[in-house]
PDB file of N, CA and C in Angstrom:
ATOM      1  N   MET A   1       0.832  -1.180   0.000  1.00  0.00           N
ATOM      2  CA  MET A   1       0.000   0.000   0.000  1.00  0.00           C
ATOM      3  C   MET A   1       0.874   1.239   0.000  1.00  0.00           C
ATOM      4  N   THR A   2       0.257   2.341  -0.334  1.00  0.00           N
ATOM      5  CA  THR A   2       0.988   3.596  -0.342  1.00  0.00           C
ATOM      6  C   THR A   2       0.930   4.222   1.043  1.00  0.00           C
ATOM      7  N   ASP A   3       1.881   5.121   1.290  1.00  0.00           N
ATOM      8  CA  ASP A   3       1.872   5.853   2.553  1.00  0.00           C
ATOM      9  C   ASP A   3       0.859   6.982   2.445  1.00  0.00           C
ATOM     10  N   MET A   4      -0.140   6.948   3.321  1.00  0.00           N
ATOM     11  CA  MET A   4      -1.171   7.977   3.313  1.00  0.00           C
ATOM     12  C   MET A   4      -1.273   8.567   4.705  1.00  0.00           C
ATOM     13  N   THR A   5      -1.818   9.751   4.765  1.00  0.00           N
ATOM     14  CA  THR A   5      -2.076  10.348   6.064  1.00  0.00           C
ATOM     15  C   THR A   5      -3.182   9.548   6.736  1.00  0.00           C
ATOM     16  N   PRO A   6      -3.273   9.610   8.062  1.00  0.00           N
ATOM     17  CA  PRO A   6      -4.355   8.879   8.735  1.00  0.00           C
ATOM     18  C   PRO A   6      -5.746   9.266   8.226  1.00  0.00           C
ATOM     19  N   ILE A   7      -5.933  10.536   7.901  1.00  0.00           N
ATOM     20  CA  ILE A   7      -7.240  10.984   7.398  1.00  0.00           C
ATOM     21  C   ILE A   7      -7.517  10.368   6.030  1.00  0.00           C
ATOM     22  N   ALA A   8      -6.526  10.362   5.155  1.00  0.00           N
ATOM     23  CA  ALA A   8      -6.702   9.767   3.831  1.00  0.00           C
ATOM     24  C   ALA A   8      -6.915   8.266   3.933  1.00  0.00           C
ATOM     25  N   ASP A   9      -6.194   7.627   4.841  1.00  0.00           N
ATOM     26  CA  ASP A   9      -6.348   6.191   5.051  1.00  0.00           C
ATOM     27  C   ASP A   9      -7.758   5.874   5.542  1.00  0.00           C
ATOM     28  N   GLU A  10      -8.255   6.681   6.474  1.00  0.00           N
ATOM     29  CA  GLU A  10      -9.619   6.465   6.986  1.00  0.00           C
ATOM     30  C   GLU A  10     -10.649   6.693   5.893  1.00  0.00           C
ATOM     31  N   ALA A  11     -10.452   7.716   5.079  1.00  0.00           N
ATOM     32  CA  ALA A  11     -11.386   7.992   3.979  1.00  0.00           C
ATOM     33  C   ALA A  11     -11.390   6.840   2.981  1.00  0.00           C
ATOM     34  N   ALA A  12     -10.221   6.312   2.674  1.00  0.00           N
ATOM     35  CA  ALA A  12     -10.130   5.185   1.743  1.00  0.00           C
ATOM     36  C   ALA A  12     -10.815   3.951   2.326  1.00  0.00           C
ATOM     37  N   THR A  13     -10.638   3.732   3.614  1.00  0.00           N
ATOM     38  CA  THR A  13     -11.272   2.593   4.277  1.00  0.00           C
ATOM     39  C   THR A  13     -12.790   2.731   4.254  1.00  0.00           C
ATOM     40  N   ARG A  14     -13.277   3.931   4.550  1.00  0.00           N
ATOM     41  CA  ARG A  14     -14.726   4.166   4.528  1.00  0.00           C
ATOM     42  C   ARG A  14     -15.296   3.968   3.129  1.00  0.00           C
ATOM     43  N   PHE A  15     -14.574   4.449   2.129  1.00  0.00           N
ATOM     44  CA  PHE A  15     -15.031   4.310   0.746  1.00  0.00           C
ATOM     45  C   PHE A  15     -15.062   2.839   0.337  1.00  0.00           C
ATOM     46  N   ALA A  16     -14.015   2.100   0.691  1.00  0.00           N
ATOM     47  CA  ALA A  16     -13.963   0.675   0.364  1.00  0.00           C
ATOM     48  C   ALA A  16     -15.110  -0.070   1.051  1.00  0.00           C
ATOM     49  N   PHE A  17     -15.362   0.239   2.320  1.00  0.00           N
ATOM     50  CA  PHE A  17     -16.462  -0.402   3.042  1.00  0.00           C
ATOM     51  C   PHE A  17     -17.790  -0.088   2.376  1.00  0.00           C
ATOM     52  N   SER A  18     -17.976   1.148   1.967  1.00  0.00           N
ATOM     53  CA  SER A  18     -19.213   1.556   1.314  1.00  0.00           C
ATOM     54  C   SER A  18     -19.428   0.776   0.009  1.00  0.00           C
ATOM     55  N   LEU A  19     -18.372   0.627  -0.771  1.00  0.00           N
ATOM     56  CA  LEU A  19     -18.474  -0.124  -2.025  1.00  0.00           C
ATOM     57  C   LEU A  19     -18.806  -1.591  -1.764  1.00  0.00           C
ATOM     58  N   LEU A  20     -18.118  -2.190  -0.805  1.00  0.00           N
ATOM     59  CA  LEU A  20     -18.370  -3.592  -0.484  1.00  0.00           C
ATOM     60  C   LEU A  20     -19.767  -3.787   0.096  1.00  0.00           C
ATOM     61  N   ARG A  21     -20.214  -2.844   0.902  1.00  0.00           N
ATOM     62  CA  ARG A  21     -21.558  -2.909   1.473  1.00  0.00           C
ATOM     63  C   ARG A  21     -22.599  -2.918   0.361  1.00  0.00           C
ATOM     64  N   SER A  22     -22.477  -1.997  -0.582  1.00  0.00           N
ATOM     65  CA  SER A  22     -23.423  -1.922  -1.694  1.00  0.00           C
ATOM     66  C   SER A  22     -23.412  -3.202  -2.518  1.00  0.00           C
ATOM     67  N   ALA A  23     -22.231  -3.697  -2.809  1.00  0.00           N
ATOM     68  CA  ALA A  23     -22.115  -4.923  -3.598  1.00  0.00           C
ATOM     69  C   ALA A  23     -22.728  -6.116  -2.865  1.00  0.00           C
ATOM     70  N   TYR A  24     -22.465  -6.239  -1.565  1.00  0.00           N
ATOM     71  CA  TYR A  24     -23.005  -7.356  -0.781  1.00  0.00           C
ATOM     72  C   TYR A  24     -24.532  -7.282  -0.722  1.00  0.00           C
ATOM     73  N   LEU A  25     -25.069  -6.100  -0.501  1.00  0.00           N
ATOM     74  CA  LEU A  25     -26.523  -5.949  -0.447  1.00  0.00           C
ATOM     75  C   LEU A  25     -27.177  -6.262  -1.798  1.00  0.00           C
ATOM     76  N   ASP A  26     -26.557  -5.816  -2.883  1.00  0.00           N
ATOM     77  CA  ASP A  26     -27.086  -6.129  -4.218  1.00  0.00           C
ATOM     78  C   ASP A  26     -27.050  -7.631  -4.476  1.00  0.00           C
ATOM     79  N   LEU A  27     -25.957  -8.252  -4.128  1.00  0.00           N
ATOM     80  CA  LEU A  27     -25.826  -9.698  -4.309  1.00  0.00           C
ATOM     81  C   LEU A  27     -26.857 -10.444  -3.478  1.00  0.00           C
ATOM     82  N   ALA A  28     -27.038 -10.045  -2.231  1.00  0.00           N
ATOM     83  CA  ALA A  28     -28.009 -10.701  -1.356  1.00  0.00           C
ATOM     84  C   ALA A  28     -29.426 -10.562  -1.924  1.00  0.00           C
ATOM     85  N   GLN A  29     -29.780  -9.372  -2.375  1.00  0.00           N
ATOM     86  CA  GLN A  29     -31.121  -9.170  -2.939  1.00  0.00           C
ATOM     87  C   GLN A  29     -31.340 -10.045  -4.165  1.00  0.00           C
ATOM     88  N   THR A  30     -30.336 -10.142  -5.013  1.00  0.00           N
ATOM     89  CA  THR A  30     -30.446 -10.965  -6.216  1.00  0.00           C
ATOM     90  C   THR A  30     -30.608 -12.434  -5.841  1.00  0.00           C
ATOM     91  N   LEU A  31     -29.794 -12.918  -4.922  1.00  0.00           N
ATOM     92  CA  LEU A  31     -29.896 -14.309  -4.493  1.00  0.00           C
ATOM     93  C   LEU A  31     -31.252 -14.610  -3.865  1.00  0.00           C
ATOM     94  N   LEU A  32     -31.737 -13.694  -3.041  1.00  0.00           N
ATOM     95  CA  LEU A  32     -33.036 -13.894  -2.392  1.00  0.00           C
ATOM     96  C   LEU A  32     -34.178 -13.938  -3.411  1.00  0.00           C
ATOM     97  N   ARG A  33     -34.075 -13.159  -4.474  1.00  0.00           N
ATOM     98  CA  ARG A  33     -35.107 -13.187  -5.518  1.00  0.00           C
ATOM     99  C   ARG A  33     -35.058 -14.491  -6.307  1.00  0.00           C
ATOM    100  N   ILE A  34     -33.869 -15.025  -6.514  1.00  0.00           N
ATOM    101  CA  ILE A  34     -33.727 -16.255  -7.295  1.00  0.00           C
ATOM    102  C   ILE A  34     -34.289 -17.449  -6.531  1.00  0.00           C
ATOM    103  N   GLU A  35     -33.807 -17.633  -5.306  1.00  0.00           N
ATOM    104  CA  GLU A  35     -34.288 -18.747  -4.485  1.00  0.00           C
ATOM    105  C   GLU A  35     -34.049 -18.391  -3.021  1.00  0.00           C
ATOM    106  N   ALA A  36     -35.112 -18.008  -2.354  1.00  0.00           N
ATOM    107  CA  ALA A  36     -35.019 -17.382  -1.035  1.00  0.00           C
ATOM    108  C   ALA A  36     -34.394 -18.269   0.040  1.00  0.00           C
ATOM    109  N   GLU A  37     -34.851 -19.488   0.187  1.00  0.00           N
ATOM    110  CA  GLU A  37     -34.375 -20.307   1.312  1.00  0.00           C
ATOM    111  C   GLU A  37     -32.885 -20.649   1.222  1.00  0.00           C
ATOM    112  N   PRO A  38     -32.388 -21.144   0.085  1.00  0.00           N
ATOM    113  CA  PRO A  38     -30.938 -21.377   0.002  1.00  0.00           C
ATOM    114  C   PRO A  38     -30.134 -20.084   0.169  1.00  0.00           C
ATOM    115  N   ALA A  39     -30.674 -18.975  -0.327  1.00  0.00           N
ATOM    116  CA  ALA A  39     -29.986 -17.692  -0.183  1.00  0.00           C
ATOM    117  C   ALA A  39     -29.886 -17.309   1.292  1.00  0.00           C
ATOM    118  N   ARG A  40     -30.969 -17.487   2.040  1.00  0.00           N
ATOM    119  CA  ARG A  40     -30.936 -17.178   3.478  1.00  0.00           C
ATOM    120  C   ARG A  40     -29.923 -18.056   4.211  1.00  0.00           C
ATOM    121  N   GLU A  41     -29.890 -19.328   3.840  1.00  0.00           N
ATOM    122  CA  GLU A  41     -28.916 -20.232   4.465  1.00  0.00           C
ATOM    123  C   GLU A  41     -27.492 -19.782   4.184  1.00  0.00           C
ATOM    124  N   LEU A  42     -27.236 -19.393   2.939  1.00  0.00           N
ATOM    125  CA  LEU A  42     -25.902 -18.910   2.574  1.00  0.00           C
ATOM    126  C   LEU A  42     -25.561 -17.629   3.320  1.00  0.00           C
ATOM    127  N   LEU A  43     -26.484 -16.689   3.360  1.00  0.00           N
ATOM    128  CA  LEU A  43     -26.238 -15.421   4.051  1.00  0.00           C
ATOM    129  C   LEU A  43     -26.022 -15.644   5.550  1.00  0.00           C
ATOM    130  N   GLN A  44     -26.774 -16.567   6.134  1.00  0.00           N
ATOM    131  CA  GLN A  44     -26.587 -16.878   7.554  1.00  0.00           C
ATOM    132  C   GLN A  44     -25.236 -17.546   7.793  1.00  0.00           C
ATOM    133  N   ALA A  45     -24.805 -18.407   6.865  1.00  0.00           N
ATOM    134  CA  ALA A  45     -23.493 -19.042   6.995  1.00  0.00           C
ATOM    135  C   ALA A  45     -22.382 -17.992   6.933  1.00  0.00           C
ATOM    136  N   VAL A  46     -22.536 -17.045   6.026  1.00  0.00           N
ATOM    137  CA  VAL A  46     -21.555 -15.955   5.930  1.00  0.00           C
ATOM    138  C   VAL A  46     -21.548 -15.148   7.223  1.00  0.00           C
ATOM    139  N   GLU A  47     -22.734 -14.857   7.748  1.00  0.00           N
ATOM    140  CA  GLU A  47     -22.844 -14.094   8.988  1.00  0.00           C
ATOM    141  C   GLU A  47     -22.165 -14.825  10.144  1.00  0.00           C
ATOM    142  N   HIS A  48     -22.397 -16.119  10.254  1.00  0.00           N
ATOM    143  CA  HIS A  48     -21.772 -16.897  11.331  1.00  0.00           C
ATOM    144  C   HIS A  48     -20.249 -16.932  11.193  1.00  0.00           C
ATOM    145  N   ARG A  49     -19.773 -17.080   9.959  1.00  0.00           N
ATOM    146  CA  ARG A  49     -18.331 -17.097   9.719  1.00  0.00           C
ATOM    147  C   ARG A  49     -17.697 -15.761  10.107  1.00  0.00           C
ATOM    148  N   ILE A  50     -18.357 -14.671   9.752  1.00  0.00           N
ATOM    149  CA  ILE A  50     -17.838 -13.344  10.095  1.00  0.00           C
ATOM    150  C   ILE A  50     -17.886 -13.127  11.603  1.00  0.00           C
ATOM    151  N   ALA A  51     -18.967 -13.532  12.238  1.00  0.00           N
ATOM    152  CA  ALA A  51     -19.073 -13.398  13.695  1.00  0.00           C
ATOM    153  C   ALA A  51     -17.967 -14.192  14.386  1.00  0.00           C
ATOM    154  N   TYR A  52     -17.689 -15.386  13.888  1.00  0.00           N
ATOM    155  CA  TYR A  52     -16.615 -16.207  14.457  1.00  0.00           C
ATOM    156  C   TYR A  52     -15.264 -15.505  14.299  1.00  0.00           C
ATOM    157  N   ARG A  53     -15.032 -14.970  13.110  1.00  0.00           N
ATOM    158  CA  ARG A  53     -13.756 -14.283  12.845  1.00  0.00           C
ATOM    159  C   ARG A  53     -13.617 -13.038  13.714  1.00  0.00           C
ATOM    160  N   LEU A  54     -14.682 -12.277  13.855  1.00  0.00           N
ATOM    161  CA  LEU A  54     -14.637 -11.089  14.707  1.00  0.00           C
ATOM    162  C   LEU A  54     -14.382 -11.483  16.158  1.00  0.00           C
ATOM    163  N   GLY A  55     -14.989 -12.579  16.596  1.00  0.00           N
ATOM    164  CA  GLY A  55     -14.733 -13.071  17.950  1.00  0.00           C
ATOM    165  C   GLY A  55     -13.286 -13.473  18.137  1.00  0.00           C
ATOM    166  N   SER A  56     -12.706 -14.106  17.132  1.00  0.00           N
ATOM    167  CA  SER A  56     -11.296 -14.486  17.193  1.00  0.00           C
ATOM    168  C   SER A  56     -10.396 -13.263  17.253  1.00  0.00           C
ATOM    169  N   LEU A  57     -10.728 -12.258  16.464  1.00  0.00           N
ATOM    170  CA  LEU A  57      -9.938 -11.020  16.484  1.00  0.00           C
ATOM    171  C   LEU A  57     -10.026 -10.339  17.840  1.00  0.00           C
ATOM    172  N   ALA A  58     -11.200 -10.345  18.430  1.00  0.00           N
ATOM    173  CA  ALA A  58     -11.381  -9.701  19.735  1.00  0.00           C
ATOM    174  C   ALA A  58     -10.531 -10.398  20.788  1.00  0.00           C
ATOM    175  N   GLN A  59     -10.425 -11.710  20.716  1.00  0.00           N
ATOM    176  CA  GLN A  59      -9.587 -12.447  21.668  1.00  0.00           C
ATOM    177  C   GLN A  59      -8.118 -12.149  21.436  1.00  0.00           C
ATOM    178  N   ASP A  60      -7.713 -12.060  20.148  1.00  0.00           N
ATOM    179  CA  ASP A  60      -6.318 -11.777  19.813  1.00  0.00           C
ATOM    180  C   ASP A  60      -5.896 -10.375  20.229  1.00  0.00           C
ATOM    181  N   GLU A  61      -6.825  -9.430  20.205  1.00  0.00           N
ATOM    182  CA  GLU A  61      -6.530  -8.024  20.472  1.00  0.00           C
ATOM    183  C   GLU A  61      -6.930  -7.596  21.881  1.00  0.00           C
ATOM    184  N   SER A  62      -6.998  -8.513  22.809  1.00  0.00           N
ATOM    185  CA  SER A  62      -7.541  -8.213  24.134  1.00  0.00           C
ATOM    186  C   SER A  62      -6.638  -7.341  24.999  1.00  0.00           C
ATOM    187  N   ASP A  63      -5.468  -6.955  24.504  1.00  0.00           N
ATOM    188  CA  ASP A  63      -4.558  -6.176  25.341  1.00  0.00           C
ATOM    189  C   ASP A  63      -4.686  -4.663  25.180  1.00  0.00           C
ATOM    190  N   GLY A  64      -5.439  -4.164  24.208  1.00  0.00           N
ATOM    191  CA  GLY A  64      -5.485  -2.718  24.000  1.00  0.00           C
ATOM    192  C   GLY A  64      -6.895  -2.188  23.852  1.00  0.00           C
ATOM    193  N   ALA A  65      -7.297  -1.317  24.730  1.00  0.00           N
ATOM    194  CA  ALA A  65      -8.659  -0.773  24.703  1.00  0.00           C
ATOM    195  C   ALA A  65      -8.977  -0.030  23.406  1.00  0.00           C
ATOM    196  N   PRO A  66      -8.082   0.822  22.856  1.00  0.00           N
ATOM    197  CA  PRO A  66      -8.429   1.510  21.598  1.00  0.00           C
ATOM    198  C   PRO A  66      -8.679   0.523  20.457  1.00  0.00           C
ATOM    199  N   GLN A  67      -7.898  -0.552  20.406  1.00  0.00           N
ATOM    200  CA  GLN A  67      -8.105  -1.546  19.361  1.00  0.00           C
ATOM    201  C   GLN A  67      -9.437  -2.254  19.564  1.00  0.00           C
ATOM    202  N   GLU A  68      -9.788  -2.539  20.805  1.00  0.00           N
ATOM    203  CA  GLU A  68     -11.064  -3.194  21.089  1.00  0.00           C
ATOM    204  C   GLU A  68     -12.224  -2.293  20.675  1.00  0.00           C
ATOM    205  N   THR A  69     -12.098  -1.010  20.937  1.00  0.00           N
ATOM    206  CA  THR A  69     -13.154  -0.070  20.561  1.00  0.00           C
ATOM    207  C   THR A  69     -13.292  -0.026  19.037  1.00  0.00           C
ATOM    208  N   ALA A  70     -12.184   0.043  18.327  1.00  0.00           N
ATOM    209  CA  ALA A  70     -12.221   0.070  16.864  1.00  0.00           C
ATOM    210  C   ALA A  70     -12.817  -1.222  16.327  1.00  0.00           C
ATOM    211  N   LEU A  71     -12.451  -2.341  16.921  1.00  0.00           N
ATOM    212  CA  LEU A  71     -12.992  -3.623  16.497  1.00  0.00           C
ATOM    213  C   LEU A  71     -14.495  -3.690  16.762  1.00  0.00           C
ATOM    214  N   ALA A  72     -14.935  -3.201  17.906  1.00  0.00           N
ATOM    215  CA  ALA A  72     -16.361  -3.211  18.239  1.00  0.00           C
ATOM    216  C   ALA A  72     -17.151  -2.350  17.259  1.00  0.00           C
ATOM    217  N   ILE A  73     -16.609  -1.208  16.893  1.00  0.00           N
ATOM    218  CA  ILE A  73     -17.275  -0.327  15.930  1.00  0.00           C
ATOM    219  C   ILE A  73     -17.353  -1.012  14.567  1.00  0.00           C
ATOM    220  N   ALA A  74     -16.240  -1.597  14.136  1.00  0.00           N
ATOM    221  CA  ALA A  74     -16.221  -2.288  12.849  1.00  0.00           C
ATOM    222  C   ALA A  74     -17.186  -3.465  12.853  1.00  0.00           C
ATOM    223  N   ALA A  75     -17.194  -4.214  13.935  1.00  0.00           N
ATOM    224  CA  ALA A  75     -18.093  -5.366  14.040  1.00  0.00           C
ATOM    225  C   ALA A  75     -19.549  -4.922  13.959  1.00  0.00           C
ATOM    226  N   GLY A  76     -19.878  -3.841  14.625  1.00  0.00           N
ATOM    227  CA  GLY A  76     -21.239  -3.322  14.573  1.00  0.00           C
ATOM    228  C   GLY A  76     -21.647  -2.931  13.165  1.00  0.00           C
ATOM    229  N   GLN A  77     -20.747  -2.309  12.441  1.00  0.00           N
ATOM    230  CA  GLN A  77     -21.042  -1.901  11.072  1.00  0.00           C
ATOM    231  C   GLN A  77     -21.230  -3.111  10.163  1.00  0.00           C
ATOM    232  N   VAL A  78     -20.375  -4.107  10.338  1.00  0.00           N
ATOM    233  CA  VAL A  78     -20.480  -5.317   9.520  1.00  0.00           C
ATOM    234  C   VAL A  78     -21.778  -6.053   9.835  1.00  0.00           C
ATOM    235  N   ARG A  79     -22.094  -6.177  11.096  1.00  0.00           N
ATOM    236  CA  ARG A  79     -23.336  -6.871  11.476  1.00  0.00           C
ATOM    237  C   ARG A  79     -24.570  -6.136  10.946  1.00  0.00           C
ATOM    238  N   ALA A  80     -24.528  -4.816  10.904  1.00  0.00           N
ATOM    239  CA  ALA A  80     -25.646  -4.043  10.348  1.00  0.00           C
ATOM    240  C   ALA A  80     -25.834  -4.355   8.860  1.00  0.00           C
ATOM    241  N   VAL A  81     -24.740  -4.481   8.128  1.00  0.00           N
ATOM    242  CA  VAL A  81     -24.826  -4.831   6.714  1.00  0.00           C
ATOM    243  C   VAL A  81     -25.420  -6.227   6.558  1.00  0.00           C
ATOM    244  N   LEU A  82     -24.963  -7.162   7.375  1.00  0.00           N
ATOM    245  CA  LEU A  82     -25.467  -8.528   7.285  1.00  0.00           C
ATOM    246  C   LEU A  82     -26.967  -8.596   7.590  1.00  0.00           C
ATOM    247  N   ARG A  83     -27.408  -7.839   8.583  1.00  0.00           N
ATOM    248  CA  ARG A  83     -28.849  -7.794   8.905  1.00  0.00           C
ATOM    249  C   ARG A  83     -29.633  -7.179   7.749  1.00  0.00           C
ATOM    250  N   ASP A  84     -29.108  -6.102   7.189  1.00  0.00           N
ATOM    251  CA  ASP A  84     -29.775  -5.458   6.050  1.00  0.00           C
ATOM    252  C   ASP A  84     -29.883  -6.417   4.868  1.00  0.00           C
ATOM    253  N   ALA A  85     -28.838  -7.198   4.655  1.00  0.00           N
ATOM    254  CA  ALA A  85     -28.816  -8.122   3.517  1.00  0.00           C
ATOM    255  C   ALA A  85     -29.910  -9.173   3.643  1.00  0.00           C
ATOM    256  N   GLN A  86     -30.248  -9.550   4.858  1.00  0.00           N
ATOM    257  CA  GLN A  86     -31.267 -10.571   5.074  1.00  0.00           C
ATOM    258  C   GLN A  86     -32.648  -9.967   5.322  1.00  0.00           C
ATOM    259  N   GLY A  87     -32.725  -8.646   5.262  1.00  0.00           N
ATOM    260  CA  GLY A  87     -34.013  -7.982   5.424  1.00  0.00           C
ATOM    261  C   GLY A  87     -34.525  -8.013   6.852  1.00  0.00           C
ATOM    262  N   ARG A  88     -33.607  -8.072   7.828  1.00  0.00           N
ATOM    263  CA  ARG A  88     -34.007  -8.094   9.238  1.00  0.00           C
ATOM    264  C   ARG A  88     -33.974  -6.719   9.815  1.00  0.00           C
TER     265      ARG A  88
END
């Protein structure tokens, strides 16, 4: 990666998250229209895998409060996207 200022790095991260969020939601909607039940199972499997990974990261990063706060914020944002994708 290139060397960026913290503000530029944060802006790039937010933009990347926004793009991925839109793509994931579009994909989920398309899958749900094609065949709802298998799509829900797939989306739930993805959600469980992400929740497991976030839990693993939280255990690995248990020594620093700022990192835990950043992880909690990121986890909340990811979980919101996953809920939106399933229409919950």
